[in-house]
Amino acid sequence: MNSVQKSEDLSGKIKVALDKAIEKLIAEEKTRDGYLVVSDKKGRVQKIPAKDFKVR
């Protein structure tokens, strides 16, 4: 296996783990009626209720 393939495999695994962590964060904040702070493409920071996020 060459280094490019290893890098692509690792990138995929990192993305899957990150997606799971984000879903867990949203679910936990929903139970606490919490908020998440995100930024849009223009860099504006917004505080959004976790209940407004959809989890797959």
C-alpha atoms as a PDB file:
ATOM      1  CA  MET A   1       0.000   0.000   0.000  1.00  0.00           C
ATOM      2  CA  ASN A   2       1.467   3.335  -0.971  1.00  0.00           C
ATOM      3  CA  SER A   3       1.414   6.461   1.143  1.00  0.00           C
ATOM      4  CA  VAL A   4      -1.359   8.120  -0.899  1.00  0.00           C
ATOM      5  CA  GLN A   5      -3.696   5.184  -0.263  1.00  0.00           C
ATOM      6  CA  LYS A   6      -2.832   5.168   3.439  1.00  0.00           C
ATOM      7  CA  SER A   7      -3.540   8.889   3.651  1.00  0.00           C
ATOM      8  CA  GLU A   8      -6.911   8.494   1.912  1.00  0.00           C
ATOM      9  CA  ASP A   9      -7.865   5.596   4.215  1.00  0.00           C
ATOM     10  CA  LEU A  10      -6.906   7.607   7.282  1.00  0.00           C
ATOM     11  CA  SER A  11      -8.769  10.686   6.032  1.00  0.00           C
ATOM     12  CA  GLY A  12     -11.947   8.643   5.628  1.00  0.00           C
ATOM     13  CA  LYS A  13     -11.648   7.191   9.115  1.00  0.00           C
ATOM     14  CA  ILE A  14     -11.069  10.637  10.613  1.00  0.00           C
ATOM     15  CA  LYS A  15     -14.136  12.017   8.815  1.00  0.00           C
ATOM     16  CA  VAL A  16     -16.338   9.172  10.101  1.00  0.00           C
ATOM     17  CA  ALA A  17     -15.090   9.691  13.678  1.00  0.00           C
ATOM     18  CA  LEU A  18     -15.595  13.460  13.449  1.00  0.00           C
ATOM     19  CA  ASP A  19     -19.151  13.029  12.134  1.00  0.00           C
ATOM     20  CA  LYS A  20     -19.970  10.696  15.042  1.00  0.00           C
ATOM     21  CA  ALA A  21     -18.510  13.169  17.549  1.00  0.00           C
ATOM     22  CA  ILE A  22     -20.551  16.049  16.113  1.00  0.00           C
ATOM     23  CA  GLU A  23     -23.745  13.978  16.227  1.00  0.00           C
ATOM     24  CA  LYS A  24     -23.018  13.061  19.855  1.00  0.00           C
ATOM     25  CA  LEU A  25     -22.388  16.717  20.746  1.00  0.00           C
ATOM     26  CA  ILE A  26     -25.676  17.801  19.175  1.00  0.00           C
ATOM     27  CA  ALA A  27     -27.605  15.021  20.945  1.00  0.00           C
ATOM     28  CA  GLU A  28     -26.082  15.913  24.322  1.00  0.00           C
ATOM     29  CA  GLU A  29     -26.828  19.617  23.903  1.00  0.00           C
ATOM     30  CA  LYS A  30     -30.416  18.840  22.882  1.00  0.00           C
ATOM     31  CA  THR A  31     -30.971  17.002  26.169  1.00  0.00           C
ATOM     32  CA  ARG A  32     -29.741  20.074  28.071  1.00  0.00           C
ATOM     33  CA  ASP A  33     -31.678  22.542  25.910  1.00  0.00           C
ATOM     34  CA  GLY A  34     -28.291  23.961  25.035  1.00  0.00           C
ATOM     35  CA  TYR A  35     -26.895  25.988  22.178  1.00  0.00           C
ATOM     36  CA  LEU A  36     -24.175  25.470  19.593  1.00  0.00           C
ATOM     37  CA  VAL A  37     -21.987  28.272  18.328  1.00  0.00           C
ATOM     38  CA  VAL A  38     -21.266  28.076  14.595  1.00  0.00           C
ATOM     39  CA  SER A  39     -20.060  30.382  11.865  1.00  0.00           C
ATOM     40  CA  ASP A  40     -21.434  30.805   8.379  1.00  0.00           C
ATOM     41  CA  LYS A  41     -19.442  31.051   5.149  1.00  0.00           C
ATOM     42  CA  LYS A  42     -18.959  34.778   5.670  1.00  0.00           C
ATOM     43  CA  GLY A  43     -17.424  34.211   9.105  1.00  0.00           C
ATOM     44  CA  ARG A  44     -20.336  35.528  11.129  1.00  0.00           C
ATOM     45  CA  VAL A  45     -20.677  33.698  14.441  1.00  0.00           C
ATOM     46  CA  GLN A  46     -24.150  32.587  15.469  1.00  0.00           C
ATOM     47  CA  LYS A  47     -25.561  30.963  18.604  1.00  0.00           C
ATOM     48  CA  ILE A  48     -28.181  28.417  17.550  1.00  0.00           C
ATOM     49  CA  PRO A  49     -30.369  26.233  19.796  1.00  0.00           C
ATOM     50  CA  ALA A  50     -29.322  22.581  19.546  1.00  0.00           C
ATOM     51  CA  LYS A  51     -32.953  21.597  19.002  1.00  0.00           C
ATOM     52  CA  ASP A  52     -32.761  23.301  15.577  1.00  0.00           C
ATOM     53  CA  PHE A  53     -30.066  20.868  14.366  1.00  0.00           C
ATOM     54  CA  LYS A  54     -31.009  17.592  12.680  1.00  0.00           C
ATOM     55  CA  VAL A  55     -29.079  14.441  13.558  1.00  0.00           C
ATOM     56  CA  ARG A  56     -28.951  11.681  10.977  1.00  0.00           C
END
